PDB file of N, CA and C in Angstrom:
ATOM      1  N   MET A   1      63.469 183.735 214.933  1.00  0.00           N
ATOM      2  CA  MET A   1      63.979 183.624 215.799  1.00  0.00           C
ATOM      3  C   MET A   1      64.734 185.010 215.118  1.00  0.00           C
ATOM      4  N   ASP A   2      65.056 185.692 216.402  1.00  0.00           N
ATOM      5  CA  ASP A   2      65.641 187.411 215.710  1.00  0.00           C
ATOM      6  C   ASP A   2      67.097 187.254 216.021  1.00  0.00           C
ATOM      7  N   LEU A   3      67.731 188.102 214.760  1.00  0.00           N
ATOM      8  CA  LEU A   3      69.385 188.060 215.004  1.00  0.00           C
ATOM      9  C   LEU A   3      69.888 188.250 216.617  1.00  0.00           C
ATOM     10  N   ASN A   4      69.055 188.668 217.022  1.00  0.00           N
ATOM     11  CA  ASN A   4      69.953 189.612 218.840  1.00  0.00           C
ATOM     12  C   ASN A   4      69.463 188.112 219.547  1.00  0.00           C
ATOM     13  N   SER A   5      68.257 187.319 219.393  1.00  0.00           N
ATOM     14  CA  SER A   5      68.189 186.250 220.044  1.00  0.00           C
ATOM     15  C   SER A   5      69.718 185.622 219.744  1.00  0.00           C
ATOM     16  N   ILE A   6      69.232 185.182 218.829  1.00  0.00           N
ATOM     17  CA  ILE A   6      70.458 183.956 217.823  1.00  0.00           C
ATOM     18  C   ILE A   6      71.410 184.086 219.001  1.00  0.00           C
ATOM     19  N   ARG A   7      72.060 185.922 218.620  1.00  0.00           N
ATOM     20  CA  ARG A   7      72.727 185.937 219.091  1.00  0.00           C
ATOM     21  C   ARG A   7      73.683 186.063 221.217  1.00  0.00           C
ATOM     22  N   GLN A   8      72.204 185.625 221.433  1.00  0.00           N
ATOM     23  CA  GLN A   8      72.523 185.833 223.164  1.00  0.00           C
ATOM     24  C   GLN A   8      72.736 184.771 223.222  1.00  0.00           C
ATOM     25  N   GLU A   9      71.882 183.598 222.607  1.00  0.00           N
ATOM     26  CA  GLU A   9      72.078 182.473 222.463  1.00  0.00           C
ATOM     27  C   GLU A   9      73.742 181.435 222.643  1.00  0.00           C
ATOM     28  N   ILE A  10      74.115 182.373 221.239  1.00  0.00           N
ATOM     29  CA  ILE A  10      75.606 182.265 222.097  1.00  0.00           C
ATOM     30  C   ILE A  10      76.009 182.111 222.546  1.00  0.00           C
ATOM     31  N   ASP A  11      75.886 183.937 223.088  1.00  0.00           N
ATOM     32  CA  ASP A  11      76.986 184.577 224.483  1.00  0.00           C
ATOM     33  C   ASP A  11      76.374 183.160 225.691  1.00  0.00           C
ATOM     34  N   GLN A  12      75.932 182.740 225.576  1.00  0.00           N
ATOM     35  CA  GLN A  12      75.095 181.886 226.617  1.00  0.00           C
ATOM     36  C   GLN A  12      76.259 180.560 226.577  1.00  0.00           C
ATOM     37  N   ILE A  13      75.855 180.439 224.948  1.00  0.00           N
ATOM     38  CA  ILE A  13      77.208 179.336 224.824  1.00  0.00           C
ATOM     39  C   ILE A  13      78.381 179.477 225.056  1.00  0.00           C
ATOM     40  N   ASP A  14      79.001 180.634 224.803  1.00  0.00           N
ATOM     41  CA  ASP A  14      80.218 180.642 225.027  1.00  0.00           C
ATOM     42  C   ASP A  14      80.762 180.797 226.436  1.00  0.00           C
ATOM     43  N   GLN A  15      79.812 180.928 227.510  1.00  0.00           N
ATOM     44  CA  GLN A  15      80.125 181.531 228.764  1.00  0.00           C
ATOM     45  C   GLN A  15      80.171 180.027 229.076  1.00  0.00           C
ATOM     46  N   GLU A  16      79.657 178.965 228.626  1.00  0.00           N
ATOM     47  CA  GLU A  16      79.606 177.954 228.904  1.00  0.00           C
ATOM     48  C   GLU A  16      80.653 177.114 228.601  1.00  0.00           C
ATOM     49  N   LEU A  17      81.332 177.205 227.044  1.00  0.00           N
ATOM     50  CA  LEU A  17      82.600 177.107 226.506  1.00  0.00           C
ATOM     51  C   LEU A  17      83.720 177.346 227.117  1.00  0.00           C
ATOM     52  N   VAL A  18      83.877 178.753 227.737  1.00  0.00           N
ATOM     53  CA  VAL A  18      85.307 179.362 228.585  1.00  0.00           C
ATOM     54  C   VAL A  18      85.592 178.528 229.780  1.00  0.00           C
ATOM     55  N   ALA A  19      83.793 178.458 230.462  1.00  0.00           N
ATOM     56  CA  ALA A  19      84.148 177.045 231.684  1.00  0.00           C
ATOM     57  C   ALA A  19      84.922 176.256 231.712  1.00  0.00           C
ATOM     58  N   LEU A  20      84.320 175.772 230.468  1.00  0.00           N
ATOM     59  CA  LEU A  20      84.623 174.041 230.196  1.00  0.00           C
ATOM     60  C   LEU A  20      86.608 174.179 229.804  1.00  0.00           C
ATOM     61  N   LEU A  21      86.689 175.234 229.508  1.00  0.00           N
ATOM     62  CA  LEU A  21      87.589 175.594 228.419  1.00  0.00           C
ATOM     63  C   LEU A  21      88.630 175.262 229.676  1.00  0.00           C
ATOM     64  N   GLU A  22      88.567 175.562 230.882  1.00  0.00           N
ATOM     65  CA  GLU A  22      89.276 176.396 232.300  1.00  0.00           C
ATOM     66  C   GLU A  22      89.914 175.512 232.257  1.00  0.00           C
ATOM     67  N   LYS A  23      88.498 174.698 232.734  1.00  0.00           N
ATOM     68  CA  LYS A  23      88.453 173.555 233.849  1.00  0.00           C
ATOM     69  C   LYS A  23      89.774 173.145 232.591  1.00  0.00           C
ATOM     70  N   ARG A  24      88.961 172.499 231.079  1.00  0.00           N
ATOM     71  CA  ARG A  24      90.396 171.671 230.686  1.00  0.00           C
ATOM     72  C   ARG A  24      91.479 171.763 230.649  1.00  0.00           C
ATOM     73  N   MET A  25      91.930 173.762 231.077  1.00  0.00           N
ATOM     74  CA  MET A  25      93.254 173.630 230.913  1.00  0.00           C
ATOM     75  C   MET A  25      94.238 173.782 232.526  1.00  0.00           C
ATOM     76  N   VAL A  26      92.682 173.209 233.544  1.00  0.00           N
ATOM     77  CA  VAL A  26      93.276 172.423 234.907  1.00  0.00           C
ATOM     78  C   VAL A  26      93.659 171.790 235.032  1.00  0.00           C
ATOM     79  N   CYS A  27      93.303 170.565 234.004  1.00  0.00           N
ATOM     80  CA  CYS A  27      93.689 169.237 233.486  1.00  0.00           C
ATOM     81  C   CYS A  27      94.690 169.503 233.044  1.00  0.00           C
ATOM     82  N   VAL A  28      95.068 170.425 231.224  1.00  0.00           N
ATOM     83  CA  VAL A  28      96.356 170.543 231.267  1.00  0.00           C
ATOM     84  C   VAL A  28      97.454 170.001 232.073  1.00  0.00           C
ATOM     85  N   GLY A  29      96.985 171.602 232.970  1.00  0.00           N
ATOM     86  CA  GLY A  29      98.203 171.447 234.185  1.00  0.00           C
ATOM     87  C   GLY A  29      98.473 170.739 234.913  1.00  0.00           C
ATOM     88  N   GLN A  30      97.933 169.414 235.087  1.00  0.00           N
ATOM     89  CA  GLN A  30      98.365 168.065 235.536  1.00  0.00           C
ATOM     90  C   GLN A  30      98.831 167.957 234.726  1.00  0.00           C
ATOM     91  N   ILE A  31      98.665 167.656 233.871  1.00  0.00           N
ATOM     92  CA  ILE A  31      99.379 166.857 232.503  1.00  0.00           C
ATOM     93  C   ILE A  31     100.565 167.667 231.851  1.00  0.00           C
ATOM     94  N   VAL A  32     101.229 168.322 232.611  1.00  0.00           N
ATOM     95  CA  VAL A  32     102.078 169.410 232.879  1.00  0.00           C
ATOM     96  C   VAL A  32     102.879 168.469 233.813  1.00  0.00           C
ATOM     97  N   GLU A  33     102.345 168.534 234.579  1.00  0.00           N
ATOM     98  CA  GLU A  33     103.166 168.514 236.111  1.00  0.00           C
ATOM     99  C   GLU A  33     103.718 166.679 235.825  1.00  0.00           C
ATOM    100  N   TYR A  34     102.234 165.932 235.442  1.00  0.00           N
ATOM    101  CA  TYR A  34     102.756 164.272 235.099  1.00  0.00           C
ATOM    102  C   TYR A  34     104.058 164.139 234.570  1.00  0.00           C
ATOM    103  N   LYS A  35     104.158 164.571 233.205  1.00  0.00           N
ATOM    104  CA  LYS A  35     104.941 164.204 232.053  1.00  0.00           C
ATOM    105  C   LYS A  35     106.395 164.491 232.830  1.00  0.00           C
ATOM    106  N   GLU A  36     106.405 165.544 233.423  1.00  0.00           N
ATOM    107  CA  GLU A  36     107.744 166.624 233.719  1.00  0.00           C
ATOM    108  C   GLU A  36     108.365 165.502 234.655  1.00  0.00           C
ATOM    109  N   GLN A  37     107.619 165.007 235.616  1.00  0.00           N
ATOM    110  CA  GLN A  37     108.209 164.028 236.615  1.00  0.00           C
ATOM    111  C   GLN A  37     108.410 162.994 236.195  1.00  0.00           C
ATOM    112  N   LYS A  38     107.453 161.793 234.553  1.00  0.00           N
ATOM    113  CA  LYS A  38     107.863 161.098 234.225  1.00  0.00           C
ATOM    114  C   LYS A  38     108.716 161.648 232.942  1.00  0.00           C
ATOM    115  N   GLY A  39     109.203 162.518 232.924  1.00  0.00           N
ATOM    116  CA  GLY A  39     110.271 162.629 231.835  1.00  0.00           C
ATOM    117  C   GLY A  39     109.599 162.896 230.484  1.00  0.00           C
ATOM    118  N   LEU A  40     108.099 162.430 230.286  1.00  0.00           N
ATOM    119  CA  LEU A  40     107.714 162.539 228.789  1.00  0.00           C
ATOM    120  C   LEU A  40     107.222 163.660 228.295  1.00  0.00           C
ATOM    121  N   PRO A  41     107.462 163.660 226.700  1.00  0.00           N
ATOM    122  CA  PRO A  41     107.300 164.665 225.910  1.00  0.00           C
ATOM    123  C   PRO A  41     106.584 164.953 226.197  1.00  0.00           C
ATOM    124  N   VAL A  42     105.982 166.375 225.629  1.00  0.00           N
ATOM    125  CA  VAL A  42     104.785 167.334 225.403  1.00  0.00           C
ATOM    126  C   VAL A  42     103.903 167.245 224.734  1.00  0.00           C
ATOM    127  N   LEU A  43     104.343 166.117 222.726  1.00  0.00           N
ATOM    128  CA  LEU A  43     103.451 165.629 221.921  1.00  0.00           C
ATOM    129  C   LEU A  43     103.328 164.389 222.450  1.00  0.00           C
ATOM    130  N   ASP A  44     101.992 163.298 222.552  1.00  0.00           N
ATOM    131  CA  ASP A  44     101.663 162.772 222.577  1.00  0.00           C
ATOM    132  C   ASP A  44     100.993 162.580 221.410  1.00  0.00           C
ATOM    133  N   GLN A  45     101.270 161.746 220.019  1.00  0.00           N
ATOM    134  CA  GLN A  45     100.687 161.853 218.357  1.00  0.00           C
ATOM    135  C   GLN A  45      99.218 160.672 218.793  1.00  0.00           C
ATOM    136  N   GLY A  46      99.619 159.473 219.329  1.00  0.00           N
ATOM    137  CA  GLY A  46      98.702 158.527 219.575  1.00  0.00           C
ATOM    138  C   GLY A  46      97.389 159.202 220.358  1.00  0.00           C
ATOM    139  N   ARG A  47      97.813 159.777 221.630  1.00  0.00           N
ATOM    140  CA  ARG A  47      96.947 160.710 222.242  1.00  0.00           C
ATOM    141  C   ARG A  47      96.049 161.313 221.368  1.00  0.00           C
ATOM    142  N   GLU A  48      96.816 162.158 221.061  1.00  0.00           N
ATOM    143  CA  GLU A  48      95.400 162.775 219.462  1.00  0.00           C
ATOM    144  C   GLU A  48      95.310 162.409 218.417  1.00  0.00           C
ATOM    145  N   ARG A  49      95.755 161.606 218.528  1.00  0.00           N
ATOM    146  CA  ARG A  49      94.491 160.275 217.519  1.00  0.00           C
ATOM    147  C   ARG A  49      93.329 160.145 218.189  1.00  0.00           C
ATOM    148  N   GLU A  50      93.860 158.964 219.114  1.00  0.00           N
ATOM    149  CA  GLU A  50      92.310 158.621 220.296  1.00  0.00           C
ATOM    150  C   GLU A  50      91.753 159.833 220.208  1.00  0.00           C
ATOM    151  N   VAL A  51      91.618 161.392 220.653  1.00  0.00           N
ATOM    152  CA  VAL A  51      91.118 162.498 220.768  1.00  0.00           C
ATOM    153  C   VAL A  51      90.107 162.657 219.515  1.00  0.00           C
ATOM    154  N   LEU A  52      90.953 163.318 218.906  1.00  0.00           N
ATOM    155  CA  LEU A  52      90.019 162.882 217.687  1.00  0.00           C
ATOM    156  C   LEU A  52      88.961 162.197 216.850  1.00  0.00           C
ATOM    157  N   GLU A  53      89.583 160.801 217.191  1.00  0.00           N
ATOM    158  CA  GLU A  53      88.491 159.772 216.648  1.00  0.00           C
ATOM    159  C   GLU A  53      87.641 159.999 217.880  1.00  0.00           C
ATOM    160  N   LYS A  54      87.510 159.823 219.031  1.00  0.00           N
ATOM    161  CA  LYS A  54      86.742 160.176 220.456  1.00  0.00           C
ATOM    162  C   LYS A  54      85.603 160.965 219.508  1.00  0.00           C
ATOM    163  N   VAL A  55      85.837 162.276 219.033  1.00  0.00           N
ATOM    164  CA  VAL A  55      85.547 163.461 218.664  1.00  0.00           C
ATOM    165  C   VAL A  55      84.799 162.802 217.031  1.00  0.00           C
ATOM    166  N   ASP A  56      85.098 162.568 216.281  1.00  0.00           N
ATOM    167  CA  ASP A  56      84.832 161.778 215.368  1.00  0.00           C
ATOM    168  C   ASP A  56      83.806 161.105 215.428  1.00  0.00           C
ATOM    169  N   SER A  57      83.675 160.829 216.438  1.00  0.00           N
ATOM    170  CA  SER A  57      81.765 159.516 216.858  1.00  0.00           C
ATOM    171  C   SER A  57      80.555 160.188 217.912  1.00  0.00           C
ATOM    172  N   LEU A  58      81.654 161.317 218.061  1.00  0.00           N
ATOM    173  CA  LEU A  58      80.511 161.690 218.563  1.00  0.00           C
ATOM    174  C   LEU A  58      79.729 163.070 218.105  1.00  0.00           C
ATOM    175  N   VAL A  59      79.894 163.128 216.616  1.00  0.00           N
ATOM    176  CA  VAL A  59      79.860 164.451 216.081  1.00  0.00           C
ATOM    177  C   VAL A  59      78.415 163.573 215.523  1.00  0.00           C
ATOM    178  N   MET A  60      77.658 164.664 215.536  1.00  0.00           N
ATOM    179  CA  MET A  60      75.986 163.790 215.448  1.00  0.00           C
ATOM    180  C   MET A  60      75.635 164.310 213.889  1.00  0.00           C
ATOM    181  N   ASP A  61      75.783 165.447 213.612  1.00  0.00           N
ATOM    182  CA  ASP A  61      75.671 166.300 212.491  1.00  0.00           C
ATOM    183  C   ASP A  61      77.031 166.280 211.382  1.00  0.00           C
ATOM    184  N   GLU A  62      77.190 165.846 210.361  1.00  0.00           N
ATOM    185  CA  GLU A  62      78.143 165.207 209.516  1.00  0.00           C
ATOM    186  C   GLU A  62      78.542 166.784 208.892  1.00  0.00           C
ATOM    187  N   GLN A  63      77.538 167.598 208.775  1.00  0.00           N
ATOM    188  CA  GLN A  63      78.119 169.248 207.565  1.00  0.00           C
ATOM    189  C   GLN A  63      78.673 169.634 208.523  1.00  0.00           C
ATOM    190  N   TYR A  64      79.213 169.430 210.137  1.00  0.00           N
ATOM    191  CA  TYR A  64      79.909 169.917 211.148  1.00  0.00           C
ATOM    192  C   TYR A  64      81.478 169.065 211.410  1.00  0.00           C
ATOM    193  N   ARG A  65      81.378 168.596 210.977  1.00  0.00           N
ATOM    194  CA  ARG A  65      82.877 167.279 211.317  1.00  0.00           C
ATOM    195  C   ARG A  65      83.405 167.717 210.747  1.00  0.00           C
ATOM    196  N   THR A  66      83.925 168.231 209.777  1.00  0.00           N
ATOM    197  CA  THR A  66      85.563 168.993 209.610  1.00  0.00           C
ATOM    198  C   THR A  66      86.249 170.347 210.428  1.00  0.00           C
ATOM    199  N   THR A  67      84.859 171.088 211.378  1.00  0.00           N
ATOM    200  CA  THR A  67      84.569 172.240 211.558  1.00  0.00           C
ATOM    201  C   THR A  67      85.430 171.898 212.922  1.00  0.00           C
ATOM    202  N   ILE A  68      84.449 170.854 213.545  1.00  0.00           N
ATOM    203  CA  ILE A  68      84.703 170.275 215.524  1.00  0.00           C
ATOM    204  C   ILE A  68      85.958 169.610 214.931  1.00  0.00           C
ATOM    205  N   GLN A  69      86.413 169.044 213.952  1.00  0.00           N
ATOM    206  CA  GLN A  69      87.044 168.731 214.478  1.00  0.00           C
ATOM    207  C   GLN A  69      88.670 169.723 213.944  1.00  0.00           C
ATOM    208  N   ALA A  70      88.747 170.422 213.154  1.00  0.00           N
ATOM    209  CA  ALA A  70      89.396 171.171 212.997  1.00  0.00           C
ATOM    210  C   ALA A  70      89.974 171.844 214.298  1.00  0.00           C
ATOM    211  N   GLN A  71      87.996 172.598 215.067  1.00  0.00           N
ATOM    212  CA  GLN A  71      88.596 173.512 215.922  1.00  0.00           C
ATOM    213  C   GLN A  71      89.493 172.146 217.566  1.00  0.00           C
ATOM    214  N   PHE A  72      89.452 171.067 218.076  1.00  0.00           N
ATOM    215  CA  PHE A  72      89.464 170.454 218.327  1.00  0.00           C
ATOM    216  C   PHE A  72      90.981 169.903 218.414  1.00  0.00           C
ATOM    217  N   GLN A  73      91.652 170.223 217.359  1.00  0.00           N
ATOM    218  CA  GLN A  73      92.600 170.342 216.233  1.00  0.00           C
ATOM    219  C   GLN A  73      93.694 171.413 216.707  1.00  0.00           C
ATOM    220  N   ASP A  74      93.207 172.473 216.520  1.00  0.00           N
ATOM    221  CA  ASP A  74      93.696 174.126 217.324  1.00  0.00           C
ATOM    222  C   ASP A  74      93.823 173.841 218.560  1.00  0.00           C
ATOM    223  N   MET A  75      92.993 173.601 219.363  1.00  0.00           N
ATOM    224  CA  MET A  75      92.738 173.743 220.920  1.00  0.00           C
ATOM    225  C   MET A  75      93.555 172.639 221.184  1.00  0.00           C
ATOM    226  N   MET A  76      94.186 171.303 220.726  1.00  0.00           N
ATOM    227  CA  MET A  76      94.985 171.149 221.255  1.00  0.00           C
ATOM    228  C   MET A  76      97.077 171.513 221.128  1.00  0.00           C
ATOM    229  N   LYS A  77      97.182 172.121 219.432  1.00  0.00           N
ATOM    230  CA  LYS A  77      97.780 172.383 219.739  1.00  0.00           C
ATOM    231  C   LYS A  77      98.402 174.028 220.094  1.00  0.00           C
ATOM    232  N   HIS A  78      97.267 174.726 221.347  1.00  0.00           N
ATOM    233  CA  HIS A  78      97.075 175.822 221.550  1.00  0.00           C
ATOM    234  C   HIS A  78      97.324 174.849 223.028  1.00  0.00           C
ATOM    235  N   SER A  79      97.249 173.737 223.384  1.00  0.00           N
ATOM    236  CA  SER A  79      97.399 173.014 224.857  1.00  0.00           C
ATOM    237  C   SER A  79      99.042 172.611 224.600  1.00  0.00           C
ATOM    238  N   ARG A  80      99.131 172.351 223.790  1.00  0.00           N
ATOM    239  CA  ARG A  80     100.930 172.071 223.580  1.00  0.00           C
ATOM    240  C   ARG A  80     102.255 173.196 223.696  1.00  0.00           C
ATOM    241  N   THR A  81     101.910 174.408 223.163  1.00  0.00           N
ATOM    242  CA  THR A  81     101.984 174.885 223.258  1.00  0.00           C
ATOM    243  C   THR A  81     102.224 175.804 225.097  1.00  0.00           C
ATOM    244  N   TYR A  82     100.922 175.606 225.973  1.00  0.00           N
ATOM    245  CA  TYR A  82     100.536 176.080 227.093  1.00  0.00           C
ATOM    246  C   TYR A  82     101.964 174.943 227.953  1.00  0.00           C
ATOM    247  N   GLN A  83     101.760 173.931 227.303  1.00  0.00           N
ATOM    248  CA  GLN A  83     102.841 173.096 228.383  1.00  0.00           C
ATOM    249  C   GLN A  83     104.192 173.512 228.227  1.00  0.00           C
ATOM    250  N   GLU A  84     104.665 174.124 226.759  1.00  0.00           N
ATOM    251  CA  GLU A  84     106.083 174.095 226.436  1.00  0.00           C
ATOM    252  C   GLU A  84     106.080 174.919 227.264  1.00  0.00           C
ATOM    253  N   GLU A  85     105.108 176.079 227.148  1.00  0.00           N
ATOM    254  CA  GLU A  85     105.574 177.566 228.107  1.00  0.00           C
ATOM    255  C   GLU A  85     105.624 177.245 229.728  1.00  0.00           C
ATOM    256  N   VAL A  86     104.832 176.032 229.766  1.00  0.00           N
ATOM    257  CA  VAL A  86     104.920 175.838 231.921  1.00  0.00           C
ATOM    258  C   VAL A  86     106.215 175.310 231.366  1.00  0.00           C
ATOM    259  N   ARG A  87     106.650 174.351 230.432  1.00  0.00           N
ATOM    260  CA  ARG A  87     108.244 173.521 230.614  1.00  0.00           C
ATOM    261  C   ARG A  87     109.134 175.051 231.181  1.00  0.00           C
ATOM    262  N   ALA A  88     108.879 175.574 229.561  1.00  0.00           N
ATOM    263  CA  ALA A  88     110.092 176.892 230.032  1.00  0.00           C
ATOM    264  C   ALA A  88     109.981 177.508 231.048  1.00  0.00           C
ATOM    265  N   ARG A  89     109.355 178.060 231.728  1.00  0.00           N
ATOM    266  CA  ARG A  89     109.514 178.458 233.083  1.00  0.00           C
ATOM    267  C   ARG A  89     109.881 177.955 233.999  1.00  0.00           C
ATOM    268  N   ASP A  90     109.942 176.618 234.027  1.00  0.00           N
ATOM    269  CA  ASP A  90     110.149 176.071 235.366  1.00  0.00           C
ATOM    270  C   ASP A  90     112.158 175.224 235.437  1.00  0.00           C
TER     271      ASP A  90
END
């Protein structure tokens, strides 16, 4: 495989990831509404711990575990930031 072929494959994966991340953000928007209605805080440490444990169990190749965990932690951090921004607008 040459570099261009690998990059094309990454581009395809990125396209799929963006679609999935947008789908995830739609759900996050629904969570914002629910938490606002119920008076719940943005941060749910128990839920974040559950997500990270689940991710840990899904990683098949040990060499990627730390990086994938960090990516999910970062994604959840950005999700919290988005939730806080939405709440601040309301």
